[in-house]
Amino acid sequence: KGRFAISRDGAKTTVSLQMNSLKPEDTAVYYCKLH
């Protein structure tokens, strides 16, 4: 919180994750999910 920002496009079928001020503990495989 405060470092990452999630957003969707107009069609709401694409999602983005803007990641700022990255830390070593952010290292991981990132998965997209649709519910």
All heavy atoms as atom14 arrays in JSON, in Angstrom:
{
  "sequence": "KGRFAISRDGAKTTVSLQMNSLKPEDTAVYYCKLH",
  "atom14_mask": [
    [1, 1, 1, 1, 1, 1, 1, 1, 1, 0, 0, 0, 0, 0],
    [1, 1, 1, 1, 0, 0, 0, 0, 0, 0, 0, 0, 0, 0],
    [1, 1, 1, 1, 1, 1, 1, 1, 1, 1, 1, 0, 0, 0],
    [1, 1, 1, 1, 1, 1, 1, 1, 1, 1, 1, 0, 0, 0],
    [1, 1, 1, 1, 1, 0, 0, 0, 0, 0, 0, 0, 0, 0],
    [1, 1, 1, 1, 1, 1, 1, 1, 0, 0, 0, 0, 0, 0],
    [1, 1, 1, 1, 1, 1, 0, 0, 0, 0, 0, 0, 0, 0],
    [1, 1, 1, 1, 1, 1, 1, 1, 1, 1, 1, 0, 0, 0],
    [1, 1, 1, 1, 1, 1, 1, 1, 0, 0, 0, 0, 0, 0],
    [1, 1, 1, 1, 0, 0, 0, 0, 0, 0, 0, 0, 0, 0],
    [1, 1, 1, 1, 1, 0, 0, 0, 0, 0, 0, 0, 0, 0],
    [1, 1, 1, 1, 1, 1, 1, 1, 1, 0, 0, 0, 0, 0],
    [1, 1, 1, 1, 1, 1, 1, 0, 0, 0, 0, 0, 0, 0],
    [1, 1, 1, 1, 1, 1, 1, 0, 0, 0, 0, 0, 0, 0],
    [1, 1, 1, 1, 1, 1, 1, 0, 0, 0, 0, 0, 0, 0],
    [1, 1, 1, 1, 1, 1, 0, 0, 0, 0, 0, 0, 0, 0],
    [1, 1, 1, 1, 1, 1, 1, 1, 0, 0, 0, 0, 0, 0],
    [1, 1, 1, 1, 1, 1, 1, 1, 1, 0, 0, 0, 0, 0],
    [1, 1, 1, 1, 1, 1, 1, 1, 0, 0, 0, 0, 0, 0],
    [1, 1, 1, 1, 1, 1, 1, 1, 0, 0, 0, 0, 0, 0],
    [1, 1, 1, 1, 1, 1, 0, 0, 0, 0, 0, 0, 0, 0],
    [1, 1, 1, 1, 1, 1, 1, 1, 0, 0, 0, 0, 0, 0],
    [1, 1, 1, 1, 1, 1, 1, 1, 1, 0, 0, 0, 0, 0],
    [1, 1, 1, 1, 1, 1, 1, 0, 0, 0, 0, 0, 0, 0],
    [1, 1, 1, 1, 1, 1, 1, 1, 1, 0, 0, 0, 0, 0],
    [1, 1, 1, 1, 1, 1, 1, 1, 0, 0, 0, 0, 0, 0],
    [1, 1, 1, 1, 1, 1, 1, 0, 0, 0, 0, 0, 0, 0],
    [1, 1, 1, 1, 1, 0, 0, 0, 0, 0, 0, 0, 0, 0],
    [1, 1, 1, 1, 1, 1, 1, 0, 0, 0, 0, 0, 0, 0],
    [1, 1, 1, 1, 1, 1, 1, 1, 1, 1, 1, 1, 0, 0],
    [1, 1, 1, 1, 1, 1, 1, 1, 1, 1, 1, 1, 0, 0],
    [1, 1, 1, 1, 1, 1, 0, 0, 0, 0, 0, 0, 0, 0],
    [1, 1, 1, 1, 1, 1, 1, 1, 1, 0, 0, 0, 0, 0],
    [1, 1, 1, 1, 1, 1, 1, 1, 0, 0, 0, 0, 0, 0],
    [1, 1, 1, 1, 1, 1, 1, 1, 1, 1, 0, 0, 0, 0]
  ],
  "atom14_positions": [
    [[0.83, -1.2, 0.0], [0.0, 0.0, 0.0], [0.87, 1.25, 0.0], [1.8, 1.37, 0.78], [-0.93, -0.01, 1.21], [-2.13, 0.92, 1.07], [-3.18, 0.63, 2.14], [-4.45, 1.41, 1.89], [-5.5, 1.06, 2.87], [0.0, 0.0, 0.0], [0.0, 0.0, 0.0], [0.0, 0.0, 0.0], [0.0, 0.0, 0.0], [0.0, 0.0, 0.0]],
    [[0.55, 2.17, -0.9], [1.32, 3.38, -1.04], [2.43, 3.28, -2.06], [2.98, 4.32, -2.48], [0.0, 0.0, 0.0], [0.0, 0.0, 0.0], [0.0, 0.0, 0.0], [0.0, 0.0, 0.0], [0.0, 0.0, 0.0], [0.0, 0.0, 0.0], [0.0, 0.0, 0.0], [0.0, 0.0, 0.0], [0.0, 0.0, 0.0], [0.0, 0.0, 0.0]],
    [[2.79, 2.07, -2.46], [3.84, 1.86, -3.45], [3.31, 1.31, -4.76], [3.83, 1.63, -5.83], [4.91, 0.9, -2.91], [5.61, 1.39, -1.65], [6.78, 0.49, -1.28], [6.34, -0.88, -0.96], [6.74, -1.97, -1.62], [7.58, -1.85, -2.65], [6.3, -3.16, -1.27], [0.0, 0.0, 0.0], [0.0, 0.0, 0.0], [0.0, 0.0, 0.0]],
    [[2.28, 0.47, -4.69], [1.71, -0.15, -5.88], [0.35, 0.46, -6.19], [-0.35, 0.92, -5.29], [1.52, -1.66, -5.68], [2.8, -2.45, -5.58], [4.03, -1.84, -5.5], [2.75, -3.84, -5.57], [5.2, -2.57, -5.4], [3.9, -4.59, -5.48], [5.13, -3.96, -5.39], [0.0, 0.0, 0.0], [0.0, 0.0, 0.0], [0.0, 0.0, 0.0]],
    [[-0.02, 0.45, -7.46], [-1.33, 0.93, -7.88], [-1.89, 0.02, -8.96], [-1.22, -0.25, -9.95], [-1.25, 2.36, -8.39], [0.0, 0.0, 0.0], [0.0, 0.0, 0.0], [0.0, 0.0, 0.0], [0.0, 0.0, 0.0], [0.0, 0.0, 0.0], [0.0, 0.0, 0.0], [0.0, 0.0, 0.0], [0.0, 0.0, 0.0], [0.0, 0.0, 0.0]],
    [[-3.12, -0.45, -8.76], [-3.77, -1.32, -9.72], [-4.8, -0.53, -10.5], [-5.43, 0.39, -9.96], [-4.42, -2.53, -9.0], [-4.91, -3.57, -10.01], [-5.56, -2.08, -8.09], [-5.36, -4.88, -9.37], [0.0, 0.0, 0.0], [0.0, 0.0, 0.0], [0.0, 0.0, 0.0], [0.0, 0.0, 0.0], [0.0, 0.0, 0.0], [0.0, 0.0, 0.0]],
    [[-4.97, -0.86, -11.78], [-5.92, -0.16, -12.63], [-6.46, -1.08, -13.7], [-5.86, -2.12, -13.98], [-5.28, 1.08, -13.26], [-4.19, 0.72, -14.09], [0.0, 0.0, 0.0], [0.0, 0.0, 0.0], [0.0, 0.0, 0.0], [0.0, 0.0, 0.0], [0.0, 0.0, 0.0], [0.0, 0.0, 0.0], [0.0, 0.0, 0.0], [0.0, 0.0, 0.0]],
    [[-7.58, -0.69, -14.31], [-8.19, -1.45, -15.4], [-8.43, -0.53, -16.58], [-8.58, 0.68, -16.43], [-9.52, -2.08, -14.96], [-9.4, -3.02, -13.79], [-10.74, -3.63, -13.41], [-11.17, -4.64, -14.37], [-11.99, -5.65, -14.08], [-12.48, -5.78, -12.85], [-12.34, -6.51, -15.03], [0.0, 0.0, 0.0], [0.0, 0.0, 0.0], [0.0, 0.0, 0.0]],
    [[-8.49, -1.12, -17.78], [-8.78, -0.34, -18.97], [-10.28, -0.12, -19.08], [-11.07, -0.59, -18.26], [-8.21, -1.02, -20.21], [-8.95, -2.3, -20.58], [-9.77, -2.8, -19.76], [-8.72, -2.82, -21.68], [0.0, 0.0, 0.0], [0.0, 0.0, 0.0], [0.0, 0.0, 0.0], [0.0, 0.0, 0.0], [0.0, 0.0, 0.0], [0.0, 0.0, 0.0]],
    [[-10.69, 0.59, -20.14], [-12.1, 0.91, -20.32], [-12.99, -0.3, -20.49], [-14.13, -0.33, -20.0], [0.0, 0.0, 0.0], [0.0, 0.0, 0.0], [0.0, 0.0, 0.0], [0.0, 0.0, 0.0], [0.0, 0.0, 0.0], [0.0, 0.0, 0.0], [0.0, 0.0, 0.0], [0.0, 0.0, 0.0], [0.0, 0.0, 0.0], [0.0, 0.0, 0.0]],
    [[-12.48, -1.32, -21.18], [-13.24, -2.54, -21.4], [-13.24, -3.45, -20.17], [-13.98, -4.42, -20.14], [-12.69, -3.3, -22.6], [0.0, 0.0, 0.0], [0.0, 0.0, 0.0], [0.0, 0.0, 0.0], [0.0, 0.0, 0.0], [0.0, 0.0, 0.0], [0.0, 0.0, 0.0], [0.0, 0.0, 0.0], [0.0, 0.0, 0.0], [0.0, 0.0, 0.0]],
    [[-12.41, -3.14, -19.2], [-12.3, -3.88, -17.95], [-11.87, -5.32, -18.15], [-12.22, -6.2, -17.38], [-13.61, -3.8, -17.15], [-14.01, -2.39, -16.76], [-15.31, -2.37, -15.99], [-15.64, -0.97, -15.5], [-15.81, -0.02, -16.62], [0.0, 0.0, 0.0], [0.0, 0.0, 0.0], [0.0, 0.0, 0.0], [0.0, 0.0, 0.0], [0.0, 0.0, 0.0]],
    [[-11.11, -5.55, -19.2], [-10.56, -6.88, -19.47], [-9.05, -6.89, -19.41], [-8.43, -7.92, -19.65], [-11.02, -7.39, -20.84], [-10.68, -6.44, -21.85], [-12.54, -7.62, -20.85], [0.0, 0.0, 0.0], [0.0, 0.0, 0.0], [0.0, 0.0, 0.0], [0.0, 0.0, 0.0], [0.0, 0.0, 0.0], [0.0, 0.0, 0.0], [0.0, 0.0, 0.0]],
    [[-8.46, -5.76, -19.09], [-7.02, -5.66, -18.91], [-6.74, -4.98, -17.58], [-7.35, -3.96, -17.26], [-6.36, -4.87, -20.05], [-6.61, -5.51, -21.3], [-4.86, -4.77, -19.83], [0.0, 0.0, 0.0], [0.0, 0.0, 0.0], [0.0, 0.0, 0.0], [0.0, 0.0, 0.0], [0.0, 0.0, 0.0], [0.0, 0.0, 0.0], [0.0, 0.0, 0.0]],
    [[-5.84, -5.54, -16.82], [-5.48, -4.97, -15.53], [-3.98, -4.74, -15.49], [-3.2, -5.54, -16.01], [-5.94, -5.88, -14.36], [-5.23, -7.23, -14.42], [-5.7, -5.21, -13.02], [0.0, 0.0, 0.0], [0.0, 0.0, 0.0], [0.0, 0.0, 0.0], [0.0, 0.0, 0.0], [0.0, 0.0, 0.0], [0.0, 0.0, 0.0], [0.0, 0.0, 0.0]],
    [[-3.58, -3.62, -14.89], [-2.18, -3.28, -14.77], [-1.81, -3.09, -13.31], [-2.67, -2.78, -12.48], [-1.86, -2.01, -15.56], [-2.09, -2.18, -16.94], [0.0, 0.0, 0.0], [0.0, 0.0, 0.0], [0.0, 0.0, 0.0], [0.0, 0.0, 0.0], [0.0, 0.0, 0.0], [0.0, 0.0, 0.0], [0.0, 0.0, 0.0], [0.0, 0.0, 0.0]],
    [[-0.55, -3.27, -13.02], [-0.03, -3.05, -11.67], [1.23, -2.21, -11.79], [2.25, -2.69, -12.26], [0.28, -4.37, -10.97], [0.74, -4.25, -9.52], [-0.41, -3.78, -8.64], [1.29, -5.58, -9.02], [0.0, 0.0, 0.0], [0.0, 0.0, 0.0], [0.0, 0.0, 0.0], [0.0, 0.0, 0.0], [0.0, 0.0, 0.0], [0.0, 0.0, 0.0]],
    [[1.12, -0.96, -11.37], [2.28, -0.07, -11.34], [2.98, -0.25, -10.01], [2.39, -0.06, -8.94], [1.85, 1.39, -11.52], [2.98, 2.39, -11.43], [3.99, 2.25, -12.55], [5.19, 2.23, -12.32], [3.51, 2.12, -13.77], [0.0, 0.0, 0.0], [0.0, 0.0, 0.0], [0.0, 0.0, 0.0], [0.0, 0.0, 0.0], [0.0, 0.0, 0.0]],
    [[4.24, -0.65, -10.06], [5.01, -0.94, -8.86], [6.15, 0.07, -8.74], [7.02, 0.12, -9.6], [5.56, -2.36, -8.89], [4.5, -3.43, -9.09], [5.16, -5.11, -8.99], [6.19, -5.12, -10.46], [0.0, 0.0, 0.0], [0.0, 0.0, 0.0], [0.0, 0.0, 0.0], [0.0, 0.0, 0.0], [0.0, 0.0, 0.0], [0.0, 0.0, 0.0]],
    [[6.12, 0.85, -7.68], [7.14, 1.85, -7.42], [7.87, 1.53, -6.12], [7.39, 0.77, -5.29], [6.53, 3.25, -7.34], [5.8, 3.67, -8.59], [4.68, 4.19, -8.53], [6.42, 3.45, -9.74], [0.0, 0.0, 0.0], [0.0, 0.0, 0.0], [0.0, 0.0, 0.0], [0.0, 0.0, 0.0], [0.0, 0.0, 0.0], [0.0, 0.0, 0.0]],
    [[9.04, 2.13, -5.96], [9.84, 1.94, -4.75], [10.0, 0.46, -4.41], [9.79, 0.04, -3.27], [9.21, 2.7, -3.58], [9.1, 4.08, -3.86], [0.0, 0.0, 0.0], [0.0, 0.0, 0.0], [0.0, 0.0, 0.0], [0.0, 0.0, 0.0], [0.0, 0.0, 0.0], [0.0, 0.0, 0.0], [0.0, 0.0, 0.0], [0.0, 0.0, 0.0]],
    [[10.37, -0.31, -5.4], [10.47, -1.75, -5.23], [11.54, -2.14, -4.23], [12.59, -1.5, -4.14], [10.73, -2.43, -6.57], [9.51, -2.52, -7.49], [9.92, -2.8, -8.92], [8.56, -3.6, -6.98], [0.0, 0.0, 0.0], [0.0, 0.0, 0.0], [0.0, 0.0, 0.0], [0.0, 0.0, 0.0], [0.0, 0.0, 0.0], [0.0, 0.0, 0.0]],
    [[11.26, -3.19, -3.48], [12.16, -3.72, -2.46], [12.53, -5.15, -2.8], [11.78, -5.84, -3.5], [11.48, -3.67, -1.09], [10.96, -2.31, -0.68], [10.18, -2.4, 0.62], [9.63, -1.05, 1.04], [8.85, -1.14, 2.29], [0.0, 0.0, 0.0], [0.0, 0.0, 0.0], [0.0, 0.0, 0.0], [0.0, 0.0, 0.0], [0.0, 0.0, 0.0]],
    [[13.67, -5.64, -2.31], [14.04, -7.03, -2.57], [12.96, -8.02, -2.15], [12.79, -9.06, -2.81], [15.32, -7.21, -1.74], [15.92, -5.85, -1.71], [14.74, -4.9, -1.61], [0.0, 0.0, 0.0], [0.0, 0.0, 0.0], [0.0, 0.0, 0.0], [0.0, 0.0, 0.0], [0.0, 0.0, 0.0], [0.0, 0.0, 0.0], [0.0, 0.0, 0.0]],
    [[12.23, -7.72, -1.09], [11.17, -8.62, -0.65], [9.97, -8.66, -1.59], [9.07, -9.48, -1.39], [10.71, -8.26, 0.78], [10.38, -6.79, 0.95], [11.53, -6.01, 1.57], [12.68, -6.19, 1.12], [11.28, -5.21, 2.5], [0.0, 0.0, 0.0], [0.0, 0.0, 0.0], [0.0, 0.0, 0.0], [0.0, 0.0, 0.0], [0.0, 0.0, 0.0]],
    [[9.95, -7.8, -2.6], [8.91, -7.86, -3.62], [9.21, -8.92, -4.67], [8.37, -9.19, -5.53], [8.75, -6.5, -4.31], [8.22, -5.42, -3.38], [7.32, -5.72, -2.56], [8.7, -4.28, -3.47], [0.0, 0.0, 0.0], [0.0, 0.0, 0.0], [0.0, 0.0, 0.0], [0.0, 0.0, 0.0], [0.0, 0.0, 0.0], [0.0, 0.0, 0.0]],
    [[10.39, -9.5, -4.62], [10.78, -10.53, -5.58], [9.84, -11.72, -5.49], [9.67, -12.31, -4.42], [12.22, -10.97, -5.36], [13.11, -9.87, -5.59], [12.59, -12.12, -6.29], [0.0, 0.0, 0.0], [0.0, 0.0, 0.0], [0.0, 0.0, 0.0], [0.0, 0.0, 0.0], [0.0, 0.0, 0.0], [0.0, 0.0, 0.0], [0.0, 0.0, 0.0]],
    [[9.23, -12.08, -6.61], [8.28, -13.18, -6.64], [7.78, -13.38, -8.05], [8.04, -12.55, -8.94], [7.09, -12.9, -5.71], [0.0, 0.0, 0.0], [0.0, 0.0, 0.0], [0.0, 0.0, 0.0], [0.0, 0.0, 0.0], [0.0, 0.0, 0.0], [0.0, 0.0, 0.0], [0.0, 0.0, 0.0], [0.0, 0.0, 0.0], [0.0, 0.0, 0.0]],
    [[7.06, -14.47, -8.26], [6.3, -14.64, -9.49], [4.95, -14.0, -9.25], [4.25, -14.33, -8.28], [6.14, -16.12, -9.88], [5.25, -16.26, -11.11], [7.5, -16.75, -10.14], [0.0, 0.0, 0.0], [0.0, 0.0, 0.0], [0.0, 0.0, 0.0], [0.0, 0.0, 0.0], [0.0, 0.0, 0.0], [0.0, 0.0, 0.0], [0.0, 0.0, 0.0]],
    [[4.57, -13.08, -10.12], [3.31, -12.37, -9.99], [2.28, -12.99, -10.93], [2.53, -13.16, -12.12], [3.5, -10.89, -10.31], [4.17, -10.14, -9.19], [5.51, -10.36, -8.89], [3.46, -9.22, -8.41], [6.13, -9.7, -7.85], [4.07, -8.55, -7.37], [5.41, -8.79, -7.1], [6.02, -8.12, -6.06], [0.0, 0.0, 0.0], [0.0, 0.0, 0.0]],
    [[1.11, -13.3, -10.36], [0.05, -13.95, -11.1], [-1.17, -13.05, -11.22], [-1.56, -12.4, -10.25], [-0.39, -15.25, -10.41], [0.68, -16.31, -10.34], [1.55, -16.38, -9.26], [0.82, -17.25, -11.36], [2.52, -17.35, -9.18], [1.8, -18.22, -11.29], [2.64, -18.27, -10.19], [3.61, -19.24, -10.12], [0.0, 0.0, 0.0], [0.0, 0.0, 0.0]],
    [[-1.77, -13.04, -12.39], [-3.02, -12.34, -12.62], [-4.18, -13.29, -12.36], [-4.12, -14.47, -12.7], [-3.07, -11.82, -14.05], [-4.58, -10.94, -14.49], [0.0, 0.0, 0.0], [0.0, 0.0, 0.0], [0.0, 0.0, 0.0], [0.0, 0.0, 0.0], [0.0, 0.0, 0.0], [0.0, 0.0, 0.0], [0.0, 0.0, 0.0], [0.0, 0.0, 0.0]],
    [[-5.24, -12.76, -11.74], [-6.42, -13.56, -11.43], [-7.69, -12.83, -11.86], [-7.8, -11.62, -11.7], [-6.48, -13.85, -9.93], [-7.74, -14.57, -9.48], [-7.8, -14.65, -7.97], [-9.11, -15.23, -7.48], [-9.18, -15.26, -6.0], [0.0, 0.0, 0.0], [0.0, 0.0, 0.0], [0.0, 0.0, 0.0], [0.0, 0.0, 0.0], [0.0, 0.0, 0.0]],
    [[-8.63, -13.58, -12.4], [-9.95, -13.07, -12.7], [-10.97, -13.93, -11.97], [-10.97, -15.16, -12.12], [-10.24, -13.07, -14.21], [-11.57, -12.46, -14.66], [-11.43, -11.89, -16.08], [-12.7, -13.49, -14.63], [0.0, 0.0, 0.0], [0.0, 0.0, 0.0], [0.0, 0.0, 0.0], [0.0, 0.0, 0.0], [0.0, 0.0, 0.0], [0.0, 0.0, 0.0]],
    [[-11.82, -13.29, -11.16], [-12.88, -13.99, -10.44], [-14.21, -13.59, -11.05], [-14.6, -12.42, -10.99], [-12.84, -13.63, -8.96], [-14.0, -14.19, -8.19], [-14.17, -15.54, -7.98], [-15.06, -13.58, -7.6], [-15.27, -15.74, -7.28], [-15.83, -14.57, -7.04], [0.0, 0.0, 0.0], [0.0, 0.0, 0.0], [0.0, 0.0, 0.0], [0.0, 0.0, 0.0]]
  ]
}
